[in-house]
């Protein structure tokens, strides 16, 4: 079954995050809370798809897809240092092949936010990395990759 290019891109990003040497397990669109004993861990979920139409490209549409990778670590002090290995891993993995194997035009970290998951019941910190993916898809079929058309 065909998948949209942004879904394919999320699959590729998740595979990169779960590559050998990973500092944590990264899940996809998991809605069950990550327990303190499971930390460090990560969770990737798509958040927004922006479509840009132009008159010049009547057969395609530019897609700017956003996904968030939420990294969880157990920490009460120097939380930035506790989360840094996951942020560094994610950044390096995503930028090691920003085209995701010639699937998209570019993949990059757009924003990073740090905060507590729930300070009242746990000492878990989360770091949200907003990842943006740029790709050109078929105007009538978003599973058709128009980025590298000949």
N, C-alpha and C. Protein backbone atom coordinates (compact mmCIF):
# COMPACT_ATOMS: atom_id res chain seq x y z
N UNK A 1 0.85 -1.18 0.00
CA UNK A 1 0.00 0.00 0.00
C UNK A 1 0.89 1.25 0.00
N UNK A 2 0.55 2.20 -0.83
CA UNK A 2 1.32 3.44 -0.93
C UNK A 2 1.18 4.27 0.34
N UNK A 3 2.23 5.03 0.65
CA UNK A 3 2.22 5.95 1.80
C UNK A 3 2.60 7.34 1.33
N UNK A 4 2.10 8.34 2.03
CA UNK A 4 2.50 9.71 1.72
C UNK A 4 4.01 9.84 1.94
N UNK A 5 4.60 10.81 1.26
CA UNK A 5 6.04 11.02 1.40
C UNK A 5 6.43 11.43 2.81
N UNK A 6 5.55 12.18 3.51
CA UNK A 6 5.90 12.58 4.87
C UNK A 6 5.84 11.39 5.82
N UNK A 7 4.98 10.42 5.56
CA UNK A 7 4.97 9.21 6.37
C UNK A 7 6.22 8.38 6.10
N UNK A 8 6.62 8.30 4.85
CA UNK A 8 7.86 7.61 4.50
C UNK A 8 9.06 8.30 5.15
N UNK A 9 9.04 9.63 5.18
CA UNK A 9 10.14 10.38 5.80
C UNK A 9 10.19 10.11 7.30
N UNK A 10 9.04 10.07 7.97
CA UNK A 10 9.01 9.77 9.41
C UNK A 10 9.58 8.38 9.67
N UNK A 11 9.27 7.42 8.82
CA UNK A 11 9.81 6.07 8.95
C UNK A 11 11.34 6.09 8.82
N UNK A 12 11.84 6.86 7.86
CA UNK A 12 13.29 6.96 7.66
C UNK A 12 13.98 7.65 8.84
N UNK A 13 13.38 8.71 9.36
CA UNK A 13 13.95 9.40 10.53
C UNK A 13 13.99 8.45 11.72
N UNK A 14 12.91 7.72 11.95
CA UNK A 14 12.86 6.77 13.06
C UNK A 14 13.93 5.69 12.91
N UNK A 15 14.13 5.20 11.71
CA UNK A 15 15.17 4.19 11.48
C UNK A 15 16.55 4.76 11.80
N UNK A 16 16.79 6.01 11.42
CA UNK A 16 18.09 6.65 11.73
C UNK A 16 18.28 6.79 13.23
N UNK A 17 17.23 7.16 13.94
CA UNK A 17 17.32 7.33 15.40
C UNK A 17 17.55 6.00 16.11
N UNK A 18 17.04 4.92 15.55
CA UNK A 18 17.19 3.60 16.17
C UNK A 18 18.36 2.80 15.61
N UNK A 19 19.28 3.45 14.93
CA UNK A 19 20.44 2.78 14.35
C UNK A 19 21.38 2.27 15.46
N UNK A 20 22.28 1.40 15.07
CA UNK A 20 23.25 0.84 16.01
C UNK A 20 23.99 1.95 16.76
N UNK A 21 24.18 1.74 18.04
CA UNK A 21 24.86 2.71 18.89
C UNK A 21 23.93 3.71 19.54
N UNK A 22 22.64 3.57 19.32
CA UNK A 22 21.67 4.53 19.86
C UNK A 22 21.75 4.61 21.38
N UNK A 23 21.56 5.82 21.93
CA UNK A 23 21.60 5.98 23.39
C UNK A 23 20.27 5.67 24.06
N UNK A 24 19.22 5.40 23.26
CA UNK A 24 17.88 5.15 23.79
C UNK A 24 17.05 4.47 22.71
N UNK A 25 15.93 3.90 23.11
CA UNK A 25 14.97 3.37 22.14
C UNK A 25 14.02 4.48 21.75
N UNK A 26 13.78 4.63 20.47
CA UNK A 26 12.88 5.65 19.96
C UNK A 26 11.62 4.96 19.41
N UNK A 27 10.46 5.40 19.89
CA UNK A 27 9.17 4.83 19.49
C UNK A 27 8.53 5.73 18.44
N UNK A 28 7.45 5.22 17.82
CA UNK A 28 6.72 6.01 16.84
C UNK A 28 5.29 6.23 17.32
N UNK A 29 4.94 7.49 17.48
CA UNK A 29 3.58 7.90 17.84
C UNK A 29 3.02 7.06 18.99
N UNK A 30 3.81 6.89 20.01
CA UNK A 30 3.39 6.14 21.19
C UNK A 30 2.64 7.07 22.13
N UNK A 31 1.44 6.70 22.52
CA UNK A 31 0.66 7.54 23.41
C UNK A 31 0.68 7.05 24.85
N UNK A 32 1.30 5.93 25.08
CA UNK A 32 1.51 5.44 26.45
C UNK A 32 2.70 6.19 27.03
N UNK A 33 2.58 6.63 28.26
CA UNK A 33 3.65 7.38 28.90
C UNK A 33 4.92 6.53 29.03
N UNK A 34 6.04 7.18 28.89
CA UNK A 34 7.33 6.53 29.12
C UNK A 34 7.59 6.59 30.61
N UNK A 35 7.79 5.43 31.22
CA UNK A 35 8.03 5.41 32.68
C UNK A 35 9.46 5.83 32.98
N UNK A 36 9.69 6.19 34.22
CA UNK A 36 11.02 6.62 34.63
C UNK A 36 12.04 5.50 34.44
N UNK A 37 11.62 4.25 34.60
CA UNK A 37 12.54 3.13 34.42
C UNK A 37 12.85 2.86 32.95
N UNK A 38 11.99 3.34 32.04
CA UNK A 38 12.25 3.19 30.61
C UNK A 38 13.14 4.29 30.05
N UNK A 39 13.30 5.36 30.80
CA UNK A 39 14.13 6.48 30.34
C UNK A 39 15.60 6.09 30.43
N UNK A 40 16.44 6.51 29.49
CA UNK A 40 16.12 7.41 28.39
C UNK A 40 15.35 6.69 27.28
N UNK A 41 14.49 7.44 26.63
CA UNK A 41 13.69 6.94 25.52
C UNK A 41 13.27 8.12 24.66
N UNK A 42 12.76 7.82 23.49
CA UNK A 42 12.29 8.87 22.60
C UNK A 42 11.00 8.46 21.93
N UNK A 43 10.25 9.44 21.44
CA UNK A 43 8.99 9.20 20.78
C UNK A 43 8.84 10.19 19.63
N UNK A 44 8.69 9.68 18.43
CA UNK A 44 8.51 10.52 17.25
C UNK A 44 7.04 10.56 16.87
N UNK A 45 6.52 11.76 16.65
CA UNK A 45 5.15 11.87 16.16
C UNK A 45 5.02 13.05 15.21
N UNK A 46 4.32 12.83 14.08
CA UNK A 46 4.09 13.91 13.11
C UNK A 46 3.20 14.98 13.74
N UNK A 47 3.45 16.23 13.38
CA UNK A 47 2.68 17.32 13.99
C UNK A 47 1.98 18.22 12.98
N UNK A 48 2.60 18.48 11.82
CA UNK A 48 2.00 19.44 10.89
C UNK A 48 2.54 19.23 9.49
N UNK A 49 1.67 19.39 8.51
CA UNK A 49 2.05 19.31 7.11
C UNK A 49 1.61 20.61 6.45
N UNK A 50 2.58 21.40 5.98
CA UNK A 50 2.27 22.63 5.25
C UNK A 50 2.43 22.36 3.76
N UNK A 51 1.44 22.79 2.98
CA UNK A 51 1.48 22.61 1.53
C UNK A 51 1.62 23.98 0.87
N UNK A 52 2.55 24.08 -0.07
CA UNK A 52 2.75 25.32 -0.81
C UNK A 52 2.53 25.06 -2.30
N UNK A 53 1.51 25.70 -2.85
CA UNK A 53 1.18 25.54 -4.26
C UNK A 53 1.70 26.75 -5.03
N UNK A 54 2.24 26.49 -6.21
CA UNK A 54 2.69 27.58 -7.09
C UNK A 54 2.09 27.36 -8.47
N UNK A 55 1.92 28.44 -9.19
CA UNK A 55 1.40 28.36 -10.55
C UNK A 55 2.40 27.67 -11.47
N UNK A 56 3.69 27.87 -11.22
CA UNK A 56 4.72 27.30 -12.09
C UNK A 56 4.72 25.77 -12.06
N UNK A 57 4.47 25.20 -10.91
CA UNK A 57 4.49 23.74 -10.76
C UNK A 57 3.06 23.22 -10.68
N UNK A 58 2.46 22.98 -11.81
CA UNK A 58 1.06 22.55 -11.85
C UNK A 58 0.88 21.07 -11.51
N UNK A 59 1.96 20.30 -11.57
CA UNK A 59 1.84 18.87 -11.32
C UNK A 59 2.36 18.46 -9.94
N UNK A 60 2.86 19.43 -9.16
CA UNK A 60 3.43 19.09 -7.85
C UNK A 60 3.08 20.13 -6.80
N UNK A 61 3.36 19.77 -5.56
CA UNK A 61 3.16 20.68 -4.43
C UNK A 61 4.35 20.52 -3.49
N UNK A 62 4.84 21.63 -2.96
CA UNK A 62 5.95 21.59 -2.00
C UNK A 62 5.39 21.31 -0.61
N UNK A 63 5.99 20.36 0.06
CA UNK A 63 5.55 19.95 1.40
C UNK A 63 6.63 20.32 2.40
N UNK A 64 6.21 20.91 3.49
CA UNK A 64 7.08 21.19 4.64
C UNK A 64 6.43 20.45 5.81
N UNK A 65 6.95 19.28 6.11
CA UNK A 65 6.36 18.43 7.15
C UNK A 65 7.15 18.57 8.44
N UNK A 66 6.43 18.70 9.54
CA UNK A 66 7.06 18.80 10.86
C UNK A 66 6.74 17.55 11.67
N UNK A 67 7.73 17.10 12.40
CA UNK A 67 7.54 16.01 13.36
C UNK A 67 8.33 16.36 14.60
N UNK A 68 7.88 15.88 15.72
CA UNK A 68 8.57 16.13 16.98
C UNK A 68 9.13 14.82 17.50
N UNK A 69 10.39 14.86 17.90
CA UNK A 69 10.98 13.74 18.62
C UNK A 69 11.10 14.20 20.06
N UNK A 70 10.31 13.57 20.94
CA UNK A 70 10.37 13.89 22.37
C UNK A 70 11.32 12.89 23.03
N UNK A 71 12.39 13.42 23.59
CA UNK A 71 13.38 12.60 24.29
C UNK A 71 13.13 12.71 25.79
N UNK A 72 13.09 11.58 26.47
CA UNK A 72 12.84 11.53 27.90
C UNK A 72 14.11 11.08 28.64
N UNK A 73 14.44 11.78 29.71
CA UNK A 73 15.53 11.37 30.59
C UNK A 73 15.08 11.57 32.04
N UNK A 74 15.62 10.75 32.92
CA UNK A 74 15.34 10.88 34.34
C UNK A 74 16.43 11.77 34.93
N UNK A 75 16.05 12.92 35.47
CA UNK A 75 17.04 13.85 36.03
C UNK A 75 16.35 14.85 36.95
N UNK A 76 17.08 15.28 37.98
CA UNK A 76 16.59 16.32 38.88
C UNK A 76 17.51 17.52 38.91
N UNK A 77 18.71 17.35 38.41
CA UNK A 77 19.71 18.41 38.44
C UNK A 77 20.50 18.34 37.13
N UNK A 78 20.95 19.46 36.66
CA UNK A 78 21.70 19.55 35.41
C UNK A 78 20.99 18.79 34.29
N UNK A 79 19.72 19.08 34.17
CA UNK A 79 18.88 18.36 33.22
C UNK A 79 19.34 18.54 31.78
N UNK A 80 19.92 19.69 31.50
CA UNK A 80 20.42 19.90 30.14
C UNK A 80 21.56 18.93 29.82
N UNK A 81 22.40 18.64 30.81
CA UNK A 81 23.49 17.69 30.60
C UNK A 81 22.96 16.26 30.46
N UNK A 82 21.91 15.93 31.19
CA UNK A 82 21.32 14.60 31.11
C UNK A 82 20.69 14.35 29.74
N UNK A 83 20.09 15.37 29.17
CA UNK A 83 19.41 15.23 27.89
C UNK A 83 20.33 15.40 26.69
N UNK A 84 21.46 16.02 26.89
CA UNK A 84 22.35 16.36 25.78
C UNK A 84 22.75 15.18 24.90
N UNK A 85 23.07 14.00 25.45
CA UNK A 85 23.45 12.89 24.57
C UNK A 85 22.35 12.50 23.58
N UNK A 86 21.09 12.58 23.99
CA UNK A 86 19.99 12.26 23.08
C UNK A 86 19.83 13.33 22.00
N UNK A 87 19.97 14.58 22.39
CA UNK A 87 19.88 15.68 21.42
C UNK A 87 21.02 15.57 20.41
N UNK A 88 22.22 15.33 20.89
CA UNK A 88 23.38 15.21 20.01
C UNK A 88 23.22 14.03 19.06
N UNK A 89 22.78 12.90 19.58
CA UNK A 89 22.56 11.72 18.74
C UNK A 89 21.53 12.02 17.65
N UNK A 90 20.40 12.57 18.03
CA UNK A 90 19.34 12.85 17.07
C UNK A 90 19.83 13.81 15.98
N UNK A 91 20.51 14.85 16.39
CA UNK A 91 21.01 15.84 15.43
C UNK A 91 21.95 15.19 14.43
N UNK A 92 22.94 14.44 14.95
CA UNK A 92 23.92 13.81 14.07
C UNK A 92 23.29 12.77 13.15
N UNK A 93 22.36 11.98 13.67
CA UNK A 93 21.72 10.96 12.85
C UNK A 93 20.89 11.58 11.74
N UNK A 94 20.16 12.63 12.05
CA UNK A 94 19.30 13.27 11.06
C UNK A 94 20.14 13.96 9.99
N UNK A 95 21.22 14.60 10.40
CA UNK A 95 22.05 15.33 9.44
C UNK A 95 23.07 14.44 8.72
N UNK A 96 23.22 13.17 9.15
CA UNK A 96 24.15 12.29 8.46
C UNK A 96 23.69 12.00 7.03
N UNK A 97 22.40 12.05 6.79
CA UNK A 97 21.84 11.93 5.44
C UNK A 97 20.57 12.77 5.39
N UNK A 98 20.71 14.07 5.19
CA UNK A 98 19.54 14.96 5.23
C UNK A 98 18.53 14.72 4.11
N UNK A 99 18.89 13.94 3.09
CA UNK A 99 17.91 13.62 2.04
C UNK A 99 17.19 12.30 2.35
N UNK A 100 17.56 11.66 3.45
CA UNK A 100 16.95 10.38 3.85
C UNK A 100 16.99 9.37 2.71
N UNK A 101 18.18 9.24 2.12
CA UNK A 101 18.35 8.28 1.02
C UNK A 101 17.68 8.75 -0.27
N UNK A 102 17.79 10.03 -0.57
CA UNK A 102 17.19 10.64 -1.77
C UNK A 102 15.67 10.56 -1.75
N UNK A 103 15.10 10.58 -0.56
CA UNK A 103 13.64 10.58 -0.40
C UNK A 103 13.09 12.00 -0.36
N UNK A 104 13.84 12.92 0.29
CA UNK A 104 13.39 14.30 0.48
C UNK A 104 14.50 15.27 0.08
N UNK A 105 14.14 16.55 0.00
CA UNK A 105 15.11 17.59 -0.33
C UNK A 105 16.03 17.88 0.84
N UNK A 106 15.46 17.99 2.06
CA UNK A 106 16.25 18.31 3.24
C UNK A 106 15.50 17.89 4.50
N UNK A 107 16.27 17.54 5.52
CA UNK A 107 15.75 17.22 6.85
C UNK A 107 16.64 17.94 7.85
N UNK A 108 16.03 18.66 8.79
CA UNK A 108 16.84 19.43 9.74
C UNK A 108 16.08 19.68 11.03
N UNK A 109 16.84 19.98 12.09
CA UNK A 109 16.27 20.35 13.38
C UNK A 109 15.87 21.82 13.29
N UNK A 110 14.63 22.10 13.61
CA UNK A 110 14.11 23.46 13.51
C UNK A 110 13.99 24.15 14.87
N UNK A 111 13.80 23.36 15.93
CA UNK A 111 13.54 23.94 17.24
C UNK A 111 13.82 22.90 18.32
N UNK A 112 14.29 23.34 19.48
CA UNK A 112 14.51 22.45 20.62
C UNK A 112 13.94 23.12 21.86
N UNK A 113 13.10 22.38 22.61
CA UNK A 113 12.52 22.89 23.85
C UNK A 113 12.76 21.87 24.96
N UNK A 114 13.07 22.37 26.16
CA UNK A 114 13.33 21.50 27.31
C UNK A 114 12.28 21.80 28.39
N UNK A 115 11.75 20.75 29.02
CA UNK A 115 10.78 20.95 30.09
C UNK A 115 10.55 19.67 30.88
N UNK A 116 9.83 19.78 31.97
CA UNK A 116 9.47 18.61 32.76
C UNK A 116 8.25 17.93 32.15
N UNK A 117 8.22 16.60 32.23
CA UNK A 117 7.05 15.85 31.79
C UNK A 117 5.93 16.06 32.81
N UNK A 118 6.23 15.75 34.07
CA UNK A 118 5.26 15.93 35.15
C UNK A 118 6.05 15.96 36.45
N UNK A 119 6.44 17.12 36.88
CA UNK A 119 7.30 17.27 38.06
C UNK A 119 6.66 16.73 39.32
N UNK A 120 5.34 16.76 39.39
CA UNK A 120 4.66 16.32 40.61
C UNK A 120 4.83 14.83 40.88
N UNK A 121 4.89 14.01 39.82
CA UNK A 121 4.92 12.57 40.04
C UNK A 121 6.21 11.90 39.59
N UNK A 122 7.06 12.60 38.89
CA UNK A 122 8.29 11.99 38.39
C UNK A 122 9.36 13.05 38.19
N UNK A 123 10.56 12.62 38.15
CA UNK A 123 11.67 13.52 37.85
C UNK A 123 12.15 13.29 36.42
N UNK A 124 11.20 13.25 35.50
CA UNK A 124 11.52 13.08 34.10
C UNK A 124 11.54 14.42 33.39
N UNK A 125 12.53 14.57 32.56
CA UNK A 125 12.66 15.76 31.75
C UNK A 125 12.46 15.35 30.29
N UNK A 126 11.82 16.21 29.53
CA UNK A 126 11.69 15.91 28.11
C UNK A 126 12.34 17.03 27.31
N UNK A 127 12.88 16.63 26.19
CA UNK A 127 13.43 17.58 25.23
C UNK A 127 12.70 17.31 23.93
N UNK A 128 12.02 18.32 23.42
CA UNK A 128 11.30 18.20 22.15
C UNK A 128 12.14 18.79 21.03
N UNK A 129 12.46 17.95 20.07
CA UNK A 129 13.18 18.39 18.88
C UNK A 129 12.19 18.43 17.72
N UNK A 130 11.94 19.61 17.19
CA UNK A 130 11.07 19.72 16.03
C UNK A 130 11.93 19.51 14.79
N UNK A 131 11.55 18.52 14.02
CA UNK A 131 12.29 18.18 12.80
C UNK A 131 11.43 18.57 11.62
N UNK A 132 12.05 19.22 10.65
CA UNK A 132 11.33 19.62 9.44
C UNK A 132 11.89 18.85 8.25
N UNK A 133 10.98 18.45 7.40
CA UNK A 133 11.31 17.72 6.19
C UNK A 133 10.72 18.47 5.01
N UNK A 134 11.53 18.70 3.99
CA UNK A 134 11.06 19.37 2.78
C UNK A 134 11.08 18.38 1.63
N UNK A 135 9.96 18.32 0.89
CA UNK A 135 9.85 17.40 -0.23
C UNK A 135 8.82 17.92 -1.22
N UNK A 136 8.96 17.54 -2.46
CA UNK A 136 8.01 17.88 -3.51
C UNK A 136 7.23 16.61 -3.85
N UNK A 137 5.90 16.70 -3.79
CA UNK A 137 5.07 15.52 -4.06
C UNK A 137 4.12 15.80 -5.22
N UNK A 138 3.54 14.73 -5.75
CA UNK A 138 2.56 14.89 -6.81
C UNK A 138 1.34 15.66 -6.31
N UNK A 139 0.88 16.60 -7.08
CA UNK A 139 -0.27 17.41 -6.66
C UNK A 139 -1.52 16.56 -6.48
N UNK A 140 -1.63 15.51 -7.29
CA UNK A 140 -2.81 14.64 -7.21
C UNK A 140 -2.56 13.38 -6.40
N UNK A 141 -1.31 13.16 -5.98
CA UNK A 141 -0.98 11.93 -5.24
C UNK A 141 0.25 12.18 -4.37
N UNK A 142 0.08 12.42 -3.07
CA UNK A 142 1.22 12.73 -2.20
C UNK A 142 2.14 11.54 -1.91
N UNK A 143 1.87 10.40 -2.52
CA UNK A 143 2.81 9.28 -2.39
C UNK A 143 3.82 9.29 -3.53
N UNK A 144 3.61 10.17 -4.51
CA UNK A 144 4.52 10.28 -5.66
C UNK A 144 5.57 11.33 -5.35
N UNK A 145 6.84 10.91 -5.38
CA UNK A 145 7.95 11.81 -5.09
C UNK A 145 8.32 12.58 -6.36
N UNK A 146 8.16 13.89 -6.31
CA UNK A 146 8.50 14.75 -7.46
C UNK A 146 9.82 15.49 -7.21
N UNK A 147 10.46 15.25 -6.07
CA UNK A 147 11.68 15.95 -5.71
C UNK A 147 12.81 15.66 -6.69
N UNK A 148 12.99 14.41 -7.02
CA UNK A 148 14.12 14.01 -7.86
C UNK A 148 13.65 13.50 -9.22
N UNK A 149 12.57 14.06 -9.73
CA UNK A 149 12.07 13.63 -11.03
C UNK A 149 13.07 13.99 -12.13
N UNK A 150 13.10 13.20 -13.13
CA UNK A 150 14.03 13.42 -14.25
C UNK A 150 13.35 14.22 -15.34
